[in-house]
PDB file of all heavy atoms in Angstrom:
ATOM      1  N   VAL A   1       7.133  -3.161  15.291  1.00  0.00           N
ATOM      2  CA  VAL A   1       7.961  -4.221  14.737  1.00  0.00           C
ATOM      3  C   VAL A   1       7.603  -4.347  13.222  1.00  0.00           C
ATOM      4  O   VAL A   1       6.501  -4.736  12.856  1.00  0.00           O
ATOM      5  CB  VAL A   1       7.671  -5.599  15.445  1.00  0.00           C
ATOM      6  CG1 VAL A   1       8.547  -6.709  14.860  1.00  0.00           C
ATOM      7  CG2 VAL A   1       7.874  -5.438  16.968  1.00  0.00           C
ATOM      8  N   ASP A   2       8.592  -4.047  12.414  1.00  0.00           N
ATOM      9  CA  ASP A   2       8.364  -4.113  10.943  1.00  0.00           C
ATOM     10  C   ASP A   2       8.641  -5.577  10.522  1.00  0.00           C
ATOM     11  O   ASP A   2       9.826  -5.966  10.436  1.00  0.00           O
ATOM     12  CB  ASP A   2       9.283  -3.104  10.267  1.00  0.00           C
ATOM     13  CG  ASP A   2       8.986  -2.941   8.736  1.00  0.00           C
ATOM     14  OD1 ASP A   2       8.225  -3.801   8.269  1.00  0.00           O
ATOM     15  OD2 ASP A   2       9.490  -2.044   8.101  1.00  0.00           O
ATOM     16  N   PHE A   3       7.561  -6.335  10.157  1.00  0.00           N
ATOM     17  CA  PHE A   3       7.748  -7.733   9.944  1.00  0.00           C
ATOM     18  C   PHE A   3       6.656  -8.263   8.973  1.00  0.00           C
ATOM     19  O   PHE A   3       5.514  -7.864   9.142  1.00  0.00           O
ATOM     20  CB  PHE A   3       7.713  -8.501  11.243  1.00  0.00           C
ATOM     21  CG  PHE A   3       8.122  -9.949  11.203  1.00  0.00           C
ATOM     22  CD1 PHE A   3       9.303 -10.283  10.709  1.00  0.00           C
ATOM     23  CD2 PHE A   3       7.306 -10.949  11.813  1.00  0.00           C
ATOM     24  CE1 PHE A   3       9.679 -11.645  10.636  1.00  0.00           C
ATOM     25  CE2 PHE A   3       7.708 -12.246  11.804  1.00  0.00           C
ATOM     26  CZ  PHE A   3       8.914 -12.600  11.200  1.00  0.00           C
ATOM     27  N   VAL A   4       7.018  -9.062   8.018  1.00  0.00           N
ATOM     28  CA  VAL A   4       6.044  -9.716   7.075  1.00  0.00           C
ATOM     29  C   VAL A   4       5.043  -8.684   6.469  1.00  0.00           C
ATOM     30  O   VAL A   4       3.897  -9.057   6.230  1.00  0.00           O
ATOM     31  CB  VAL A   4       5.324 -10.988   7.591  1.00  0.00           C
ATOM     32  CG1 VAL A   4       6.350 -12.065   7.891  1.00  0.00           C
ATOM     33  CG2 VAL A   4       4.518 -10.579   8.893  1.00  0.00           C
ATOM     34  N   GLY A   5       5.472  -7.498   6.137  1.00  0.00           N
ATOM     35  CA  GLY A   5       4.626  -6.550   5.445  1.00  0.00           C
ATOM     36  C   GLY A   5       3.745  -5.626   6.301  1.00  0.00           C
ATOM     37  O   GLY A   5       2.991  -4.898   5.804  1.00  0.00           O
ATOM     38  N   TYR A   6       3.869  -5.807   7.671  1.00  0.00           N
ATOM     39  CA  TYR A   6       3.134  -4.956   8.569  1.00  0.00           C
ATOM     40  C   TYR A   6       4.074  -4.360   9.637  1.00  0.00           C
ATOM     41  O   TYR A   6       5.298  -4.764   9.734  1.00  0.00           O
ATOM     42  CB  TYR A   6       2.088  -5.856   9.305  1.00  0.00           C
ATOM     43  CG  TYR A   6       1.053  -6.506   8.487  1.00  0.00           C
ATOM     44  CD1 TYR A   6       1.140  -7.813   8.117  1.00  0.00           C
ATOM     45  CD2 TYR A   6      -0.030  -5.763   8.005  1.00  0.00           C
ATOM     46  CE1 TYR A   6       0.212  -8.396   7.307  1.00  0.00           C
ATOM     47  CE2 TYR A   6      -0.975  -6.346   7.227  1.00  0.00           C
ATOM     48  CZ  TYR A   6      -0.863  -7.679   6.829  1.00  0.00           C
ATOM     49  OH  TYR A   6      -1.819  -8.291   6.053  1.00  0.00           O
ATOM     50  N   ARG A   7       3.541  -3.340  10.335  1.00  0.00           N
ATOM     51  CA  ARG A   7       4.212  -2.780  11.458  1.00  0.00           C
ATOM     52  C   ARG A   7       3.395  -2.975  12.665  1.00  0.00           C
ATOM     53  O   ARG A   7       2.275  -2.431  12.825  1.00  0.00           O
ATOM     54  CB  ARG A   7       4.502  -1.273  11.196  1.00  0.00           C
ATOM     55  CG  ARG A   7       5.412  -0.658  12.270  1.00  0.00           C
ATOM     56  CD  ARG A   7       5.766   0.801  11.861  1.00  0.00           C
ATOM     57  NE  ARG A   7       6.690   0.830  10.675  1.00  0.00           N
ATOM     58  CZ  ARG A   7       8.068   0.707  10.772  1.00  0.00           C
ATOM     59  NH1 ARG A   7       8.604   0.490  11.987  1.00  0.00           N
ATOM     60  NH2 ARG A   7       8.777   0.774   9.730  1.00  0.00           N
ATOM     61  N   PHE A   8       3.866  -3.731  13.638  1.00  0.00           N
ATOM     62  CA  PHE A   8       3.089  -4.244  14.800  1.00  0.00           C
ATOM     63  C   PHE A   8       3.357  -3.370  16.020  1.00  0.00           C
ATOM     64  O   PHE A   8       4.532  -3.127  16.391  1.00  0.00           O
ATOM     65  CB  PHE A   8       3.472  -5.654  15.088  1.00  0.00           C
ATOM     66  CG  PHE A   8       3.125  -6.624  14.035  1.00  0.00           C
ATOM     67  CD1 PHE A   8       4.005  -6.961  12.976  1.00  0.00           C
ATOM     68  CD2 PHE A   8       1.862  -7.339  14.043  1.00  0.00           C
ATOM     69  CE1 PHE A   8       3.652  -7.772  12.019  1.00  0.00           C
ATOM     70  CE2 PHE A   8       1.530  -8.217  13.039  1.00  0.00           C
ATOM     71  CZ  PHE A   8       2.434  -8.473  12.084  1.00  0.00           C
ATOM     72  N   TYR A   9       2.348  -2.922  16.676  1.00  0.00           N
ATOM     73  CA  TYR A   9       2.409  -2.233  17.970  1.00  0.00           C
ATOM     74  C   TYR A   9       1.563  -3.052  18.966  1.00  0.00           C
ATOM     75  O   TYR A   9       0.842  -4.001  18.595  1.00  0.00           O
ATOM     76  CB  TYR A   9       1.829  -0.830  17.860  1.00  0.00           C
ATOM     77  CG  TYR A   9       2.636   0.079  16.953  1.00  0.00           C
ATOM     78  CD1 TYR A   9       2.391   0.113  15.585  1.00  0.00           C
ATOM     79  CD2 TYR A   9       3.612   0.978  17.397  1.00  0.00           C
ATOM     80  CE1 TYR A   9       3.101   0.886  14.722  1.00  0.00           C
ATOM     81  CE2 TYR A   9       4.359   1.766  16.534  1.00  0.00           C
ATOM     82  CZ  TYR A   9       4.059   1.770  15.193  1.00  0.00           C
ATOM     83  OH  TYR A   9       4.770   2.613  14.391  1.00  0.00           O
ATOM     84  N   HIS A  10       1.658  -2.681  20.261  1.00  0.00           N
ATOM     85  CA  HIS A  10       0.853  -3.371  21.229  1.00  0.00           C
ATOM     86  C   HIS A  10      -0.679  -3.102  21.045  1.00  0.00           C
ATOM     87  O   HIS A  10      -1.446  -4.006  21.501  1.00  0.00           O
ATOM     88  CB  HIS A  10       1.221  -2.953  22.618  1.00  0.00           C
ATOM     89  CG  HIS A  10       2.548  -3.505  23.068  1.00  0.00           C
ATOM     90  ND1 HIS A  10       3.747  -2.827  23.184  1.00  0.00           N
ATOM     91  CD2 HIS A  10       2.829  -4.829  23.445  1.00  0.00           C
ATOM     92  CE1 HIS A  10       4.689  -3.661  23.608  1.00  0.00           C
ATOM     93  NE2 HIS A  10       4.172  -4.826  23.741  1.00  0.00           N
ATOM     94  N   THR A  11      -1.014  -1.995  20.442  1.00  0.00           N
ATOM     95  CA  THR A  11      -2.451  -1.650  20.344  1.00  0.00           C
ATOM     96  C   THR A  11      -3.016  -1.790  18.987  1.00  0.00           C
ATOM     97  O   THR A  11      -4.224  -1.840  18.804  1.00  0.00           O
ATOM     98  CB  THR A  11      -2.605  -0.229  20.918  1.00  0.00           C
ATOM     99  OG1 THR A  11      -1.767   0.617  20.101  1.00  0.00           O
ATOM    100  CG2 THR A  11      -2.284  -0.030  22.329  1.00  0.00           C
ATOM    101  N   HIS A  12      -2.187  -1.794  17.978  1.00  0.00           N
ATOM    102  CA  HIS A  12      -2.691  -1.839  16.626  1.00  0.00           C
ATOM    103  C   HIS A  12      -1.659  -2.324  15.598  1.00  0.00           C
ATOM    104  O   HIS A  12      -0.458  -2.481  16.029  1.00  0.00           O
ATOM    105  CB  HIS A  12      -3.260  -0.432  16.160  1.00  0.00           C
ATOM    106  CG  HIS A  12      -2.096   0.620  16.189  1.00  0.00           C
ATOM    107  ND1 HIS A  12      -1.636   1.134  17.364  1.00  0.00           N
ATOM    108  CD2 HIS A  12      -1.433   1.176  15.180  1.00  0.00           C
ATOM    109  CE1 HIS A  12      -0.760   2.073  17.033  1.00  0.00           C
ATOM    110  NE2 HIS A  12      -0.543   2.078  15.733  1.00  0.00           N
ATOM    111  N   VAL A  13      -2.138  -2.561  14.396  1.00  0.00           N
ATOM    112  CA  VAL A  13      -1.251  -3.064  13.299  1.00  0.00           C
ATOM    113  C   VAL A  13      -1.365  -2.161  12.063  1.00  0.00           C
ATOM    114  O   VAL A  13      -2.560  -1.945  11.700  1.00  0.00           O
ATOM    115  CB  VAL A  13      -1.498  -4.520  12.967  1.00  0.00           C
ATOM    116  CG1 VAL A  13      -0.527  -5.091  11.881  1.00  0.00           C
ATOM    117  CG2 VAL A  13      -1.375  -5.423  14.178  1.00  0.00           C
ATOM    118  N   LEU A  14      -0.305  -1.716  11.486  1.00  0.00           N
ATOM    119  CA  LEU A  14      -0.419  -0.915  10.289  1.00  0.00           C
ATOM    120  C   LEU A  14       0.260  -1.583   9.125  1.00  0.00           C
ATOM    121  O   LEU A  14       1.102  -2.508   9.298  1.00  0.00           O
ATOM    122  CB  LEU A  14       0.333   0.438  10.557  1.00  0.00           C
ATOM    123  CG  LEU A  14      -0.218   1.340  11.673  1.00  0.00           C
ATOM    124  CD1 LEU A  14       0.574   2.606  11.882  1.00  0.00           C
ATOM    125  CD2 LEU A  14      -1.718   1.625  11.414  1.00  0.00           C
ATOM    126  N   LEU A  15      -0.092  -1.209   7.950  1.00  0.00           N
ATOM    127  CA  LEU A  15       0.502  -1.714   6.742  1.00  0.00           C
ATOM    128  C   LEU A  15       1.850  -1.087   6.518  1.00  0.00           C
ATOM    129  O   LEU A  15       2.105   0.040   6.788  1.00  0.00           O
ATOM    130  CB  LEU A  15      -0.423  -1.429   5.489  1.00  0.00           C
ATOM    131  CG  LEU A  15      -0.071  -2.154   4.158  1.00  0.00           C
ATOM    132  CD1 LEU A  15      -0.223  -3.592   4.264  1.00  0.00           C
ATOM    133  CD2 LEU A  15      -0.896  -1.530   3.053  1.00  0.00           C
ATOM    134  N   ARG A  16       2.819  -1.940   6.039  1.00  0.00           N
ATOM    135  CA  ARG A  16       4.163  -1.432   5.760  1.00  0.00           C
ATOM    136  C   ARG A  16       4.224  -0.257   4.715  1.00  0.00           C
ATOM    137  O   ARG A  16       3.415  -0.276   3.794  1.00  0.00           O
ATOM    138  CB  ARG A  16       5.078  -2.578   5.265  1.00  0.00           C
ATOM    139  CG  ARG A  16       6.504  -2.179   5.032  1.00  0.00           C
ATOM    140  CD  ARG A  16       7.289  -3.319   4.488  1.00  0.00           C
ATOM    141  NE  ARG A  16       7.673  -4.240   5.654  1.00  0.00           N
ATOM    142  CZ  ARG A  16       8.157  -5.491   5.415  1.00  0.00           C
ATOM    143  NH1 ARG A  16       8.336  -5.947   4.164  1.00  0.00           N
ATOM    144  NH2 ARG A  16       8.497  -6.237   6.471  1.00  0.00           N
ATOM    145  N   LYS A  17       4.991   0.743   4.977  1.00  0.00           N
ATOM    146  CA  LYS A  17       4.965   1.976   4.142  1.00  0.00           C
ATOM    147  C   LYS A  17       5.328   1.598   2.704  1.00  0.00           C
ATOM    148  O   LYS A  17       4.702   2.206   1.773  1.00  0.00           O
ATOM    149  CB  LYS A  17       6.034   2.920   4.728  1.00  0.00           C
ATOM    150  CG  LYS A  17       6.005   4.255   4.020  1.00  0.00           C
ATOM    151  CD  LYS A  17       6.978   5.280   4.663  1.00  0.00           C
ATOM    152  CE  LYS A  17       7.003   6.582   3.941  1.00  0.00           C
ATOM    153  NZ  LYS A  17       7.918   7.498   4.517  1.00  0.00           N
ATOM    154  N   SER A  18       6.227   0.741   2.400  1.00  0.00           N
ATOM    155  CA  SER A  18       6.657   0.465   1.056  1.00  0.00           C
ATOM    156  C   SER A  18       5.512  -0.233   0.260  1.00  0.00           C
ATOM    157  O   SER A  18       5.399   0.002  -0.933  1.00  0.00           O
ATOM    158  CB  SER A  18       7.820  -0.510   1.021  1.00  0.00           C
ATOM    159  OG  SER A  18       7.573  -1.692   1.688  1.00  0.00           O
ATOM    160  N   ILE A  19       4.594  -0.979   0.963  1.00  0.00           N
ATOM    161  CA  ILE A  19       3.504  -1.535   0.332  1.00  0.00           C
ATOM    162  C   ILE A  19       2.444  -0.489  -0.049  1.00  0.00           C
ATOM    163  O   ILE A  19       1.812  -0.437  -1.118  1.00  0.00           O
ATOM    164  CB  ILE A  19       2.866  -2.665   1.147  1.00  0.00           C
ATOM    165  CG1 ILE A  19       3.891  -3.795   1.331  1.00  0.00           C
ATOM    166  CG2 ILE A  19       1.610  -3.158   0.526  1.00  0.00           C
ATOM    167  CD1 ILE A  19       3.389  -4.927   2.264  1.00  0.00           C
ATOM    168  N   LYS A  20       2.316   0.496   0.886  1.00  0.00           N
ATOM    169  CA  LYS A  20       1.351   1.616   0.649  1.00  0.00           C
ATOM    170  C   LYS A  20       1.802   2.411  -0.573  1.00  0.00           C
ATOM    171  O   LYS A  20       0.998   2.846  -1.360  1.00  0.00           O
ATOM    172  CB  LYS A  20       1.201   2.420   1.879  1.00  0.00           C
ATOM    173  CG  LYS A  20       0.343   1.862   2.932  1.00  0.00           C
ATOM    174  CD  LYS A  20      -0.015   2.846   4.015  1.00  0.00           C
ATOM    175  CE  LYS A  20       1.114   3.108   4.960  1.00  0.00           C
ATOM    176  NZ  LYS A  20       0.634   3.919   6.140  1.00  0.00           N
ATOM    177  N   ILE A  21       3.093   2.602  -0.729  1.00  0.00           N
ATOM    178  CA  ILE A  21       3.657   3.349  -1.783  1.00  0.00           C
ATOM    179  C   ILE A  21       3.346   2.691  -3.105  1.00  0.00           C
ATOM    180  O   ILE A  21       2.900   3.277  -4.110  1.00  0.00           O
ATOM    181  CB  ILE A  21       5.158   3.569  -1.671  1.00  0.00           C
ATOM    182  CG1 ILE A  21       5.454   4.539  -0.490  1.00  0.00           C
ATOM    183  CG2 ILE A  21       5.792   4.118  -2.942  1.00  0.00           C
ATOM    184  CD1 ILE A  21       6.880   4.662  -0.116  1.00  0.00           C
ATOM    185  N   ARG A  22       3.587   1.333  -3.156  1.00  0.00           N
ATOM    186  CA  ARG A  22       3.232   0.637  -4.414  1.00  0.00           C
ATOM    187  C   ARG A  22       1.764   0.641  -4.721  1.00  0.00           C
ATOM    188  O   ARG A  22       1.333   0.701  -5.829  1.00  0.00           O
ATOM    189  CB  ARG A  22       3.736  -0.845  -4.269  1.00  0.00           C
ATOM    190  CG  ARG A  22       5.269  -1.033  -4.172  1.00  0.00           C
ATOM    191  CD  ARG A  22       5.649  -2.393  -4.561  1.00  0.00           C
ATOM    192  NE  ARG A  22       5.066  -3.480  -3.779  1.00  0.00           N
ATOM    193  CZ  ARG A  22       5.564  -3.970  -2.675  1.00  0.00           C
ATOM    194  NH1 ARG A  22       6.690  -3.460  -2.215  1.00  0.00           N
ATOM    195  NH2 ARG A  22       4.944  -4.873  -2.043  1.00  0.00           N
ATOM    196  N   LEU A  23       0.967   0.546  -3.620  1.00  0.00           N
ATOM    197  CA  LEU A  23      -0.555   0.618  -3.793  1.00  0.00           C
ATOM    198  C   LEU A  23      -0.928   1.934  -4.459  1.00  0.00           C
ATOM    199  O   LEU A  23      -1.675   1.887  -5.429  1.00  0.00           O
ATOM    200  CB  LEU A  23      -1.177   0.467  -2.430  1.00  0.00           C
ATOM    201  CG  LEU A  23      -2.649   0.767  -2.300  1.00  0.00           C
ATOM    202  CD1 LEU A  23      -3.506  -0.093  -3.195  1.00  0.00           C
ATOM    203  CD2 LEU A  23      -3.118   0.637  -0.866  1.00  0.00           C
ATOM    204  N   PHE A  24      -0.412   3.075  -4.021  1.00  0.00           N
ATOM    205  CA  PHE A  24      -0.853   4.311  -4.591  1.00  0.00           C
ATOM    206  C   PHE A  24      -0.262   4.609  -5.947  1.00  0.00           C
ATOM    207  O   PHE A  24      -0.773   5.385  -6.691  1.00  0.00           O
ATOM    208  CB  PHE A  24      -0.604   5.424  -3.600  1.00  0.00           C
ATOM    209  CG  PHE A  24      -1.678   5.492  -2.518  1.00  0.00           C
ATOM    210  CD1 PHE A  24      -1.383   4.997  -1.252  1.00  0.00           C
ATOM    211  CD2 PHE A  24      -2.879   6.009  -2.712  1.00  0.00           C
ATOM    212  CE1 PHE A  24      -2.361   4.927  -0.205  1.00  0.00           C
ATOM    213  CE2 PHE A  24      -3.864   6.071  -1.742  1.00  0.00           C
ATOM    214  CZ  PHE A  24      -3.656   5.466  -0.478  1.00  0.00           C
ATOM    215  N   LYS A  25       0.890   3.988  -6.228  1.00  0.00           N
ATOM    216  CA  LYS A  25       1.446   4.045  -7.538  1.00  0.00           C
ATOM    217  C   LYS A  25       0.486   3.390  -8.543  1.00  0.00           C
ATOM    218  O   LYS A  25       0.205   3.898  -9.670  1.00  0.00           O
ATOM    219  CB  LYS A  25       2.788   3.373  -7.666  1.00  0.00           C
ATOM    220  CG  LYS A  25       3.925   4.203  -7.177  1.00  0.00           C
ATOM    221  CD  LYS A  25       5.241   3.437  -7.354  1.00  0.00           C
ATOM    222  CE  LYS A  25       6.406   4.278  -6.844  1.00  0.00           C
ATOM    223  NZ  LYS A  25       7.725   3.526  -7.004  1.00  0.00           N
ATOM    224  N   LEU A  26      -0.128   2.269  -8.166  1.00  0.00           N
ATOM    225  CA  LEU A  26      -1.091   1.575  -8.966  1.00  0.00           C
ATOM    226  C   LEU A  26      -2.365   2.491  -9.160  1.00  0.00           C
ATOM    227  O   LEU A  26      -2.928   2.594 -10.324  1.00  0.00           O
ATOM    228  CB  LEU A  26      -1.488   0.233  -8.354  1.00  0.00           C
ATOM    229  CG  LEU A  26      -2.622  -0.601  -9.032  1.00  0.00           C
ATOM    230  CD1 LEU A  26      -2.119  -0.986 -10.433  1.00  0.00           C
ATOM    231  CD2 LEU A  26      -2.945  -1.758  -8.210  1.00  0.00           C
ATOM    232  N   ILE A  27      -2.841   3.147  -8.144  1.00  0.00           N
ATOM    233  CA  ILE A  27      -4.011   4.035  -8.234  1.00  0.00           C
ATOM    234  C   ILE A  27      -3.724   5.147  -9.133  1.00  0.00           C
ATOM    235  O   ILE A  27      -4.540   5.537  -9.921  1.00  0.00           O
ATOM    236  CB  ILE A  27      -4.407   4.468  -6.790  1.00  0.00           C
ATOM    237  CG1 ILE A  27      -4.982   3.235  -5.975  1.00  0.00           C
ATOM    238  CG2 ILE A  27      -5.476   5.552  -6.848  1.00  0.00           C
ATOM    239  CD1 ILE A  27      -5.299   3.614  -4.575  1.00  0.00           C
ATOM    240  N   ARG A  28      -2.517   5.730  -9.118  1.00  0.00           N
ATOM    241  CA  ARG A  28      -2.168   6.856  -9.932  1.00  0.00           C
ATOM    242  C   ARG A  28      -2.157   6.395 -11.429  1.00  0.00           C
ATOM    243  O   ARG A  28      -2.486   7.156 -12.323  1.00  0.00           O
ATOM    244  CB  ARG A  28      -0.819   7.459  -9.547  1.00  0.00           C
ATOM    245  CG  ARG A  28      -0.897   8.294  -8.290  1.00  0.00           C
ATOM    246  CD  ARG A  28       0.323   9.235  -8.143  1.00  0.00           C
ATOM    247  NE  ARG A  28       1.534   8.434  -7.957  1.00  0.00           N
ATOM    248  CZ  ARG A  28       1.977   8.095  -6.789  1.00  0.00           C
ATOM    249  NH1 ARG A  28       1.350   8.422  -5.632  1.00  0.00           N
ATOM    250  NH2 ARG A  28       3.149   7.410  -6.698  1.00  0.00           N
ATOM    251  N   ARG A  29      -1.716   5.162 -11.626  1.00  0.00           N
ATOM    252  CA  ARG A  29      -1.776   4.661 -13.082  1.00  0.00           C
ATOM    253  C   ARG A  29      -3.210   4.615 -13.547  1.00  0.00           C
ATOM    254  O   ARG A  29      -3.513   4.851 -14.686  1.00  0.00           O
ATOM    255  CB  ARG A  29      -1.118   3.290 -13.126  1.00  0.00           C
ATOM    256  CG  ARG A  29       0.421   3.256 -12.872  1.00  0.00           C
ATOM    257  CD  ARG A  29       1.008   1.971 -13.251  1.00  0.00           C
ATOM    258  NE  ARG A  29       0.829   1.690 -14.705  1.00  0.00           N
ATOM    259  CZ  ARG A  29       1.024   0.474 -15.160  1.00  0.00           C
ATOM    260  NH1 ARG A  29       1.282  -0.589 -14.432  1.00  0.00           N
ATOM    261  NH2 ARG A  29       0.867   0.325 -16.517  1.00  0.00           N
ATOM    262  N   TYR A  30      -4.149   4.167 -12.668  1.00  0.00           N
ATOM    263  CA  TYR A  30      -5.529   4.154 -13.029  1.00  0.00           C
ATOM    264  C   TYR A  30      -6.107   5.593 -13.292  1.00  0.00           C
ATOM    265  O   TYR A  30      -6.744   5.774 -14.233  1.00  0.00           O
ATOM    266  CB  TYR A  30      -6.361   3.490 -11.946  1.00  0.00           C
ATOM    267  CG  TYR A  30      -7.848   3.680 -12.018  1.00  0.00           C
ATOM    268  CD1 TYR A  30      -8.525   3.035 -13.036  1.00  0.00           C
ATOM    269  CD2 TYR A  30      -8.506   4.497 -11.158  1.00  0.00           C
ATOM    270  CE1 TYR A  30      -9.955   3.341 -13.090  1.00  0.00           C
ATOM    271  CE2 TYR A  30      -9.861   4.665 -11.171  1.00  0.00           C
ATOM    272  CZ  TYR A  30     -10.588   4.051 -12.196  1.00  0.00           C
ATOM    273  OH  TYR A  30     -11.966   4.251 -12.290  1.00  0.00           O
ATOM    274  N   GLN A  31      -5.695   6.516 -12.373  1.00  0.00           N
ATOM    275  CA  GLN A  31      -6.220   7.899 -12.538  1.00  0.00           C
ATOM    276  C   GLN A  31      -5.699   8.595 -13.794  1.00  0.00           C
ATOM    277  O   GLN A  31      -6.361   9.431 -14.410  1.00  0.00           O
ATOM    278  CB  GLN A  31      -5.857   8.690 -11.334  1.00  0.00           C
ATOM    279  CG  GLN A  31      -6.561   8.248 -10.032  1.00  0.00           C
ATOM    280  CD  GLN A  31      -6.093   8.981  -8.778  1.00  0.00           C
ATOM    281  OE1 GLN A  31      -4.967   9.321  -8.701  1.00  0.00           O
ATOM    282  NE2 GLN A  31      -6.950   9.059  -7.796  1.00  0.00           N
ATOM    283  N   SER A  32      -4.488   8.147 -14.244  1.00  0.00           N
ATOM    284  CA  SER A  32      -3.934   8.694 -15.460  1.00  0.00           C
ATOM    285  C   SER A  32      -4.385   8.029 -16.729  1.00  0.00           C
ATOM    286  O   SER A  32      -4.017   8.416 -17.861  1.00  0.00           O
ATOM    287  CB  SER A  32      -2.357   8.699 -15.404  1.00  0.00           C
ATOM    288  OG  SER A  32      -1.890   7.352 -15.320  1.00  0.00           O
ATOM    289  N   GLY A  33      -5.202   6.981 -16.597  1.00  0.00           N
ATOM    290  CA  GLY A  33      -5.757   6.263 -17.746  1.00  0.00           C
ATOM    291  C   GLY A  33      -4.910   5.205 -18.336  1.00  0.00           C
ATOM    292  O   GLY A  33      -5.207   4.642 -19.409  1.00  0.00           O
ATOM    293  N   LYS A  34      -3.798   4.792 -17.708  1.00  0.00           N
ATOM    294  CA  LYS A  34      -2.861   3.807 -18.179  1.00  0.00           C
ATOM    295  C   LYS A  34      -3.490   2.407 -18.003  1.00  0.00           C
ATOM    296  O   LYS A  34      -3.090   1.417 -18.763  1.00  0.00           O
ATOM    297  CB  LYS A  34      -1.513   3.882 -17.435  1.00  0.00           C
ATOM    298  CG  LYS A  34      -0.766   5.137 -17.775  1.00  0.00           C
ATOM    299  CD  LYS A  34       0.530   5.209 -17.122  1.00  0.00           C
ATOM    300  CE  LYS A  34       1.314   6.459 -17.489  1.00  0.00           C
ATOM    301  NZ  LYS A  34       2.664   6.544 -16.779  1.00  0.00           N
ATOM    302  N   ILE A  35      -4.329   2.136 -16.994  1.00  0.00           N
ATOM    303  CA  ILE A  35      -5.073   0.863 -16.849  1.00  0.00           C
ATOM    304  C   ILE A  35      -6.489   1.233 -16.654  1.00  0.00           C
ATOM    305  O   ILE A  35      -6.922   2.242 -16.131  1.00  0.00           O
ATOM    306  CB  ILE A  35      -4.455   0.084 -15.696  1.00  0.00           C
ATOM    307  CG1 ILE A  35      -4.602   0.808 -14.364  1.00  0.00           C
ATOM    308  CG2 ILE A  35      -3.059  -0.396 -15.951  1.00  0.00           C
ATOM    309  CD1 ILE A  35      -4.198  -0.022 -13.121  1.00  0.00           C
ATOM    310  N   ASP A  36      -7.420   0.253 -17.039  1.00  0.00           N
ATOM    311  CA  ASP A  36      -8.879   0.428 -16.861  1.00  0.00           C
ATOM    312  C   ASP A  36      -9.285  -0.026 -15.473  1.00  0.00           C
ATOM    313  O   ASP A  36      -8.513  -0.607 -14.757  1.00  0.00           O
ATOM    314  CB  ASP A  36      -9.651  -0.212 -17.998  1.00  0.00           C
ATOM    315  CG  ASP A  36      -9.370  -1.730 -18.027  1.00  0.00           C
ATOM    316  OD1 ASP A  36      -8.840  -2.343 -17.097  1.00  0.00           O
ATOM    317  OD2 ASP A  36      -9.659  -2.336 -19.139  1.00  0.00           O
ATOM    318  N   LYS A  37     -10.606   0.106 -15.181  1.00  0.00           N
ATOM    319  CA  LYS A  37     -11.085  -0.244 -13.857  1.00  0.00           C
ATOM    320  C   LYS A  37     -11.087  -1.730 -13.628  1.00  0.00           C
ATOM    321  O   LYS A  37     -10.851  -2.209 -12.512  1.00  0.00           O
ATOM    322  CB  LYS A  37     -12.487   0.342 -13.687  1.00  0.00           C
ATOM    323  CG  LYS A  37     -12.943   0.317 -12.251  1.00  0.00           C
ATOM    324  CD  LYS A  37     -14.162   1.209 -11.981  1.00  0.00           C
ATOM    325  CE  LYS A  37     -14.496   1.334 -10.521  1.00  0.00           C
ATOM    326  NZ  LYS A  37     -15.564   2.236 -10.272  1.00  0.00           N
ATOM    327  N   GLN A  38     -11.342  -2.523 -14.636  1.00  0.00           N
ATOM    328  CA  GLN A  38     -11.314  -3.942 -14.558  1.00  0.00           C
ATOM    329  C   GLN A  38      -9.902  -4.397 -14.139  1.00  0.00           C
ATOM    330  O   GLN A  38      -9.767  -5.328 -13.198  1.00  0.00           O
ATOM    331  CB  GLN A  38     -11.797  -4.663 -15.825  1.00  0.00           C
ATOM    332  CG  GLN A  38     -11.937  -6.120 -15.719  1.00  0.00           C
ATOM    333  CD  GLN A  38     -12.444  -6.773 -16.993  1.00  0.00           C
ATOM    334  OE1 GLN A  38     -12.803  -6.023 -17.934  1.00  0.00           O
ATOM    335  NE2 GLN A  38     -12.559  -8.050 -16.948  1.00  0.00           N
TER     336      GLN A  38
END
């Protein structure tokens, strides 16, 4: 069940794919030096 940012199953809950994509875009900006660690 894709709802409120998560995907719910009977046994576990996963983070929504679109949020993970935005998360790793941010990490790539850090790795390329566009933002600092702070």
